[in-house]
Amino acid sequence: MAEKKRVFSGIQPSGRLHIGNYLGAICNWLPMQDDHFCIYGIVDYHAMTVHFNPEEMEQCIFNAAIDYLAAGIDPERSILMVQSTVSEHTELAWVLNTITPIGWLSRVPTFKEKRQANPDYVHMGLFDYPVLMAADIVLYKAEVVPVGDDQVPHLELTREIVRKFNSMFGPTFPEPKAKLGDVPRVLGLDGVNKMSKSLDNCLYLDETREELWKKLSTAVTDTKRKRRTDPGDPLVCNIYTMHKGFSPDKDVEYCARECRAAGIGCIDCKKILLENMIQALGPLQERQKDLRSKPAVVYDILKNGHDRAKKIAIETMREVYERIGISKYHKH
């Protein structure tokens, strides 16, 4: 029987998980548990590249673990771990730093965007973020990386780093390939920017019906549709994008057809989406509540994930030390 391909992916614990995280990442992760060897990380070091509150970090990590588990990440079929607890992530990142040209990093689109958005908070961690991401992936020799479309440039950089390392030191790492989900990018409620906590344009996984509707009811749709009787274009409407993540095919097709024919208005379309969101998120929210009442269970899962991830990471670093000529000093 062929060995399962390895997968690595992660989300920053920078606050509550939102619909963009869920549709763009987690829904892409879940089916992979059936036929891949999956390692899913809570990447807390990456969360430190933006302003963060140290007093809230531990709780954010715990909440992220609950969200992963409630959404369907199965610790029996996947490894769920916290990035900073496996020190080999940063050890390998340093090794990869020594072969990664500055020019490669300076052209990464997300660095340019974040530098422009926060010109007073540009630091080495932000610049070097893609190298740590590369280390996260290749530490586990992942062959497949489920990502949103905004992360594709980072993954291509990972592939370049892998090729350079392998050419310099011998074949060590596979070149990971991106796997985009059915909804690779979800815009925020403004209909312009990616859904983001920092932009306050999110729908969160744990929000009530009332909270969701308050936000959905005013969310931007097709800006060219000025009146209820105007036909719309679902392909430029972010509400339609969310329908593809939450609604059954019949509702997706109905909303697209009736939008184009001006058979329904945007509020009607949003009400249908709300009902389908509630149906999908209701069981998830119940599991969130249950897990919050059992913190010891969550911490045990993370401890087990750490132990399993650490074992793989140690083996990878042994090979890396051999490749770069310092293995004699790492034999215990």
Protein backbone atom coordinates (compact mmCIF):
# COMPACT_ATOMS: atom_id res chain seq x y z
CA MET A 1 0.00 0.00 0.00
CA ALA A 2 1.40 3.41 -0.99
CA GLU A 3 2.37 5.73 1.84
CA LYS A 4 -0.02 8.63 2.32
CA LYS A 5 1.18 12.00 1.10
CA ARG A 6 1.97 14.43 3.88
CA VAL A 7 0.07 17.68 4.33
CA PHE A 8 0.90 20.75 6.41
CA SER A 9 -1.15 23.88 6.88
CA GLY A 10 -1.89 26.33 9.67
CA ILE A 11 -3.76 29.42 10.80
CA GLN A 12 -2.53 32.21 13.05
CA PRO A 13 -4.16 32.39 16.50
CA SER A 14 -4.65 36.12 16.19
CA GLY A 15 -8.25 36.07 17.40
CA ARG A 16 -11.51 34.30 16.71
CA LEU A 17 -11.65 32.29 13.52
CA HIS A 18 -13.92 33.75 10.87
CA ILE A 19 -15.82 32.54 7.84
CA GLY A 20 -12.82 33.26 5.58
CA ASN A 21 -10.64 30.94 7.67
CA TYR A 22 -13.36 28.31 7.65
CA LEU A 23 -14.18 28.31 3.93
CA GLY A 24 -10.70 29.16 2.67
CA ALA A 25 -8.74 26.79 4.88
CA ILE A 26 -10.54 24.42 7.23
CA CYS A 27 -13.12 23.16 4.73
CA ASN A 28 -10.18 22.38 2.46
CA TRP A 29 -8.44 20.48 5.27
CA LEU A 30 -11.27 18.24 6.40
CA PRO A 31 -11.58 15.83 3.43
CA MET A 32 -7.80 15.48 3.24
CA GLN A 33 -7.85 13.63 6.56
CA ASP A 34 -9.26 10.59 4.77
CA ASP A 35 -6.40 9.93 2.39
CA HIS A 36 -3.43 12.07 3.52
CA PHE A 37 -1.13 12.22 6.54
CA CYS A 38 -2.12 15.63 7.88
CA ILE A 39 -0.30 17.96 10.26
CA TYR A 40 -2.30 21.09 11.11
CA GLY A 41 -0.58 23.81 13.08
CA ILE A 42 -1.66 26.70 15.24
CA VAL A 43 1.11 28.97 13.98
CA ASP A 44 1.63 31.31 16.91
CA TYR A 45 5.05 32.58 15.80
CA HIS A 46 3.43 33.92 12.64
CA ALA A 47 0.83 35.70 14.77
CA MET A 48 3.67 37.71 16.32
CA THR A 49 4.45 39.45 13.03
CA VAL A 50 1.58 41.87 13.71
CA HIS A 51 0.69 43.77 16.88
CA PHE A 52 -0.39 41.27 19.54
CA ASN A 53 -1.19 41.22 23.24
CA PRO A 54 1.00 38.71 25.16
CA GLU A 55 -1.65 38.48 27.88
CA GLU A 56 -4.14 37.15 25.33
CA MET A 57 -1.89 34.81 23.32
CA GLU A 58 -2.39 31.66 25.39
CA GLN A 59 -6.16 32.04 25.28
CA CYS A 60 -6.06 32.72 21.52
CA ILE A 61 -4.13 29.48 20.98
CA PHE A 62 -6.61 27.56 23.12
CA ASN A 63 -9.57 29.09 21.25
CA ALA A 64 -7.99 28.23 17.90
CA ALA A 65 -7.59 24.61 19.00
CA ILE A 66 -11.26 24.51 19.97
CA ASP A 67 -12.27 25.97 16.60
CA TYR A 68 -10.14 23.43 14.70
CA LEU A 69 -11.63 20.53 16.64
CA ALA A 70 -15.19 21.82 16.52
CA ALA A 71 -14.92 22.30 12.75
CA GLY A 72 -13.96 18.66 12.29
CA ILE A 73 -10.19 18.26 12.64
CA ASP A 74 -9.88 14.75 14.08
CA PRO A 75 -6.83 14.22 16.34
CA GLU A 76 -7.06 10.49 15.64
CA ARG A 77 -6.56 11.07 11.90
CA SER A 78 -4.46 14.26 11.99
CA ILE A 79 -1.78 15.86 14.10
CA LEU A 80 -2.93 19.09 15.75
CA MET A 81 -0.02 21.02 17.18
CA VAL A 82 1.22 24.43 18.31
CA GLN A 83 4.08 25.71 16.16
CA SER A 84 6.21 27.27 18.92
CA THR A 85 6.28 24.04 20.96
CA VAL A 86 8.37 22.34 18.26
CA SER A 87 11.65 24.23 18.29
CA GLU A 88 12.80 22.63 15.05
CA HIS A 89 10.55 25.05 13.14
CA THR A 90 12.84 27.96 13.97
CA GLU A 91 16.02 25.86 13.75
CA LEU A 92 15.19 24.91 10.18
CA ALA A 93 14.08 28.47 9.39
CA TRP A 94 17.57 29.70 10.27
CA VAL A 95 19.19 27.13 7.99
CA LEU A 96 16.86 28.13 5.16
CA ASN A 97 17.59 31.80 5.85
CA THR A 98 21.23 31.20 4.99
CA ILE A 99 20.35 30.18 1.43
CA THR A 100 17.39 32.49 0.72
CA PRO A 101 18.27 35.66 -1.24
CA ILE A 102 16.88 38.92 0.10
CA GLY A 103 15.55 39.69 -3.37
CA TRP A 104 13.25 36.68 -3.22
CA LEU A 105 11.66 37.95 -0.02
CA SER A 106 11.33 41.58 -1.10
CA ARG A 107 9.08 40.63 -4.01
CA VAL A 108 6.51 38.72 -1.90
CA PRO A 109 3.16 40.56 -2.37
CA THR A 110 1.95 40.19 1.22
CA PHE A 111 5.08 41.87 2.59
CA LYS A 112 4.50 44.85 0.32
CA GLU A 113 0.84 45.02 1.35
CA LYS A 114 1.53 44.82 5.09
CA ARG A 115 4.38 47.31 4.87
CA GLN A 116 2.04 49.76 3.15
CA ALA A 117 -0.78 49.12 5.65
CA ASN A 118 1.50 49.48 8.72
CA PRO A 119 4.53 51.58 7.73
CA ASP A 120 5.46 52.12 11.39
CA TYR A 121 5.56 48.38 12.14
CA VAL A 122 7.90 46.86 9.56
CA HIS A 123 10.34 44.42 11.12
CA MET A 124 12.52 41.43 10.29
CA GLY A 125 9.88 38.92 11.34
CA LEU A 126 7.42 40.35 8.83
CA PHE A 127 10.04 40.30 6.08
CA ASP A 128 11.17 36.77 6.96
CA TYR A 129 7.67 35.35 7.44
CA PRO A 130 7.81 33.32 4.18
CA VAL A 131 11.01 31.53 5.23
CA LEU A 132 9.45 30.42 8.50
CA MET A 133 6.42 29.30 6.50
CA ALA A 134 8.73 27.29 4.25
CA ALA A 135 10.33 25.71 7.32
CA ASP A 136 6.88 24.84 8.72
CA ILE A 137 6.09 22.93 5.55
CA VAL A 138 9.34 21.17 4.71
CA LEU A 139 10.08 20.22 8.33
CA TYR A 140 7.39 17.57 7.88
CA LYS A 141 8.32 16.92 4.24
CA ALA A 142 4.82 17.92 3.23
CA GLU A 143 3.98 17.28 -0.40
CA VAL A 144 0.61 19.03 -0.40
CA VAL A 145 -0.29 22.37 1.18
CA PRO A 146 -3.95 23.45 1.23
CA VAL A 147 -3.92 27.25 0.94
CA GLY A 148 -6.00 30.23 -0.03
CA ASP A 149 -5.05 31.97 -3.25
CA ASP A 150 -3.28 34.77 -1.35
CA GLN A 151 -0.75 32.23 -0.03
CA VAL A 152 0.20 30.82 -3.43
CA PRO A 153 3.17 33.23 -3.85
CA HIS A 154 4.50 32.10 -0.46
CA LEU A 155 4.25 28.47 -1.51
CA GLU A 156 6.04 29.16 -4.78
CA LEU A 157 8.83 30.74 -2.74
CA THR A 158 8.93 27.58 -0.61
CA ARG A 159 9.39 25.55 -3.77
CA GLU A 160 12.26 27.80 -4.86
CA ILE A 161 13.94 27.43 -1.47
CA VAL A 162 13.54 23.66 -1.64
CA ARG A 163 15.09 23.53 -5.09
CA LYS A 164 18.04 25.62 -3.93
CA PHE A 165 18.62 23.54 -0.77
CA ASN A 166 18.41 20.28 -2.71
CA SER A 167 20.82 21.54 -5.37
CA MET A 168 23.34 22.72 -2.78
CA PHE A 169 23.21 19.87 -0.29
CA GLY A 170 21.57 16.93 -2.05
CA PRO A 171 17.94 15.75 -2.38
CA THR A 172 16.30 16.27 0.99
CA PHE A 173 12.85 17.86 0.66
CA PRO A 174 9.97 17.30 -1.76
CA GLU A 175 8.62 20.32 -3.63
CA PRO A 176 5.21 20.95 -2.06
CA LYS A 177 2.22 21.64 -4.26
CA ALA A 178 -0.65 23.98 -3.48
CA LYS A 179 -4.19 22.72 -3.16
CA LEU A 180 -6.84 25.39 -3.50
CA GLY A 181 -10.29 24.78 -2.05
CA ASP A 182 -13.67 25.34 -3.61
CA VAL A 183 -13.72 28.85 -2.11
CA PRO A 184 -10.05 29.96 -2.20
CA ARG A 185 -10.78 33.59 -1.26
CA VAL A 186 -13.62 35.11 0.72
CA LEU A 187 -13.90 38.87 0.73
CA GLY A 188 -14.97 40.78 3.79
CA LEU A 189 -18.29 42.47 4.38
CA ASP A 190 -17.00 45.50 2.47
CA GLY A 191 -16.89 43.37 -0.69
CA VAL A 192 -13.43 44.72 -1.55
CA ASN A 193 -10.82 43.47 0.88
CA LYS A 194 -10.06 39.94 2.00
CA MET A 195 -11.98 39.00 5.15
CA SER A 196 -9.69 40.11 7.95
CA LYS A 197 -9.86 40.65 11.69
CA SER A 198 -7.65 43.73 11.42
CA LEU A 199 -10.08 45.33 8.96
CA ASP A 200 -13.10 44.44 11.11
CA ASN A 201 -15.00 43.06 8.13
CA CYS A 202 -15.56 39.51 9.40
CA LEU A 203 -18.30 37.05 10.15
CA TYR A 204 -17.10 34.87 13.03
CA LEU A 205 -17.75 31.17 13.51
CA ASP A 206 -19.20 31.66 16.99
CA GLU A 207 -21.64 34.50 16.24
CA THR A 208 -25.35 34.19 16.94
CA ARG A 209 -28.08 34.42 14.33
CA GLU A 210 -28.76 38.01 15.37
CA GLU A 211 -25.09 38.99 15.14
CA LEU A 212 -24.67 37.33 11.76
CA TRP A 213 -27.77 38.96 10.32
CA LYS A 214 -26.83 42.41 11.61
CA LYS A 215 -23.62 42.16 9.58
CA LEU A 216 -24.99 40.31 6.56
CA SER A 217 -27.92 42.68 6.11
CA THR A 218 -25.58 45.60 5.40
CA ALA A 219 -22.84 43.66 3.56
CA VAL A 220 -21.83 44.95 0.13
CA THR A 221 -23.15 42.96 -2.86
CA ASP A 222 -23.04 43.85 -6.57
CA THR A 223 -22.43 47.60 -6.44
CA LYS A 224 -23.83 48.07 -9.96
CA ARG A 225 -27.21 46.81 -8.84
CA LYS A 226 -28.83 50.03 -7.63
CA ARG A 227 -32.49 48.95 -7.41
CA ARG A 228 -34.39 45.77 -6.59
CA THR A 229 -35.53 45.55 -10.23
CA ASP A 230 -31.99 45.75 -11.64
CA PRO A 231 -30.47 42.43 -12.74
CA GLY A 232 -27.28 41.57 -10.88
CA ASP A 233 -24.09 39.64 -11.53
CA PRO A 234 -23.52 36.93 -8.90
CA LEU A 235 -19.93 36.41 -10.04
CA VAL A 236 -18.93 39.80 -8.62
CA CYS A 237 -20.98 39.40 -5.44
CA ASN A 238 -19.29 38.23 -2.26
CA ILE A 239 -22.59 36.94 -0.86
CA TYR A 240 -22.73 34.52 -3.78
CA THR A 241 -19.17 33.40 -2.97
CA MET A 242 -20.32 32.52 0.56
CA HIS A 243 -23.34 30.72 -0.86
CA LYS A 244 -20.93 28.37 -2.65
CA GLY A 245 -19.39 27.56 0.71
CA PHE A 246 -22.56 27.10 2.76
CA SER A 247 -25.55 26.51 0.50
CA PRO A 248 -26.71 23.35 -1.30
CA ASP A 249 -26.40 23.35 -5.08
CA LYS A 250 -30.09 24.04 -5.58
CA ASP A 251 -29.89 27.25 -3.56
CA VAL A 252 -26.68 28.34 -5.26
CA GLU A 253 -28.26 27.82 -8.68
CA TYR A 254 -31.51 29.50 -7.63
CA CYS A 255 -29.77 32.60 -6.27
CA ALA A 256 -27.55 32.93 -9.34
CA ARG A 257 -30.47 32.56 -11.76
CA GLU A 258 -32.85 34.87 -9.90
CA CYS A 259 -30.16 37.49 -9.28
CA ARG A 260 -29.42 37.71 -13.00
CA ALA A 261 -33.14 37.96 -13.76
CA ALA A 262 -33.87 40.41 -10.90
CA GLY A 263 -36.25 37.75 -9.58
CA ILE A 264 -34.98 38.24 -6.03
CA GLY A 265 -33.33 41.14 -4.26
CA CYS A 266 -30.08 41.13 -2.35
CA ILE A 267 -31.86 40.94 1.01
CA ASP A 268 -33.69 37.80 -0.17
CA CYS A 269 -30.39 36.27 -1.21
CA LYS A 270 -28.83 37.15 2.14
CA LYS A 271 -31.73 35.57 4.07
CA ILE A 272 -31.23 32.29 2.20
CA LEU A 273 -27.51 32.43 2.99
CA LEU A 274 -28.20 33.12 6.66
CA GLU A 275 -30.39 30.03 7.01
CA ASN A 276 -27.76 27.83 5.39
CA MET A 277 -25.02 29.34 7.54
CA ILE A 278 -27.01 28.69 10.70
CA GLN A 279 -27.59 25.10 9.63
CA ALA A 280 -23.86 24.57 9.05
CA LEU A 281 -22.55 26.52 12.04
CA GLY A 282 -25.10 25.36 14.62
CA PRO A 283 -23.52 21.94 15.26
CA LEU A 284 -20.04 23.50 15.15
CA GLN A 285 -21.02 26.03 17.81
CA GLU A 286 -22.41 23.26 20.01
CA ARG A 287 -19.08 21.43 19.78
CA GLN A 288 -17.28 24.69 20.65
CA LYS A 289 -19.32 24.98 23.85
CA ASP A 290 -18.67 21.36 24.76
CA LEU A 291 -14.91 21.66 24.24
CA ARG A 292 -14.70 24.90 26.24
CA SER A 293 -16.10 22.97 29.19
CA LYS A 294 -13.35 20.33 28.84
CA PRO A 295 -10.04 22.22 28.73
CA ALA A 296 -8.04 19.22 29.92
CA VAL A 297 -9.17 17.27 26.84
CA VAL A 298 -8.01 20.07 24.54
CA TYR A 299 -4.62 20.38 26.24
CA ASP A 300 -4.13 16.60 26.06
CA ILE A 301 -4.82 16.68 22.32
CA LEU A 302 -2.25 19.46 21.84
CA LYS A 303 0.30 17.60 23.97
CA ASN A 304 -0.19 14.43 21.92
CA GLY A 305 0.07 16.47 18.72
CA HIS A 306 3.30 18.02 19.96
CA ASP A 307 4.81 14.62 20.73
CA ARG A 308 3.95 13.22 17.31
CA ALA A 309 5.08 16.34 15.45
CA LYS A 310 8.31 16.55 17.45
CA LYS A 311 9.26 12.99 16.52
CA ILE A 312 8.98 13.80 12.80
CA ALA A 313 10.77 17.13 13.23
CA ILE A 314 13.75 15.54 15.01
CA GLU A 315 14.19 13.02 12.22
CA THR A 316 14.10 15.73 9.57
CA MET A 317 16.66 17.86 11.40
CA ARG A 318 18.99 14.88 11.79
CA GLU A 319 19.02 14.60 8.01
CA VAL A 320 19.48 18.37 7.62
CA TYR A 321 22.43 18.36 10.05
CA GLU A 322 23.97 15.56 8.01
CA ARG A 323 23.48 17.51 4.79
CA ILE A 324 25.03 20.72 6.09
CA GLY A 325 27.93 19.01 7.85
CA ILE A 326 27.24 19.40 11.57
CA SER A 327 25.62 16.07 12.43
CA LYS A 328 28.52 14.93 14.64
CA TYR A 329 27.58 17.58 17.19
CA HIS A 330 23.89 16.63 17.27
CA LYS A 331 24.17 12.95 18.15
CA HIS A 332 22.72 12.30 21.57
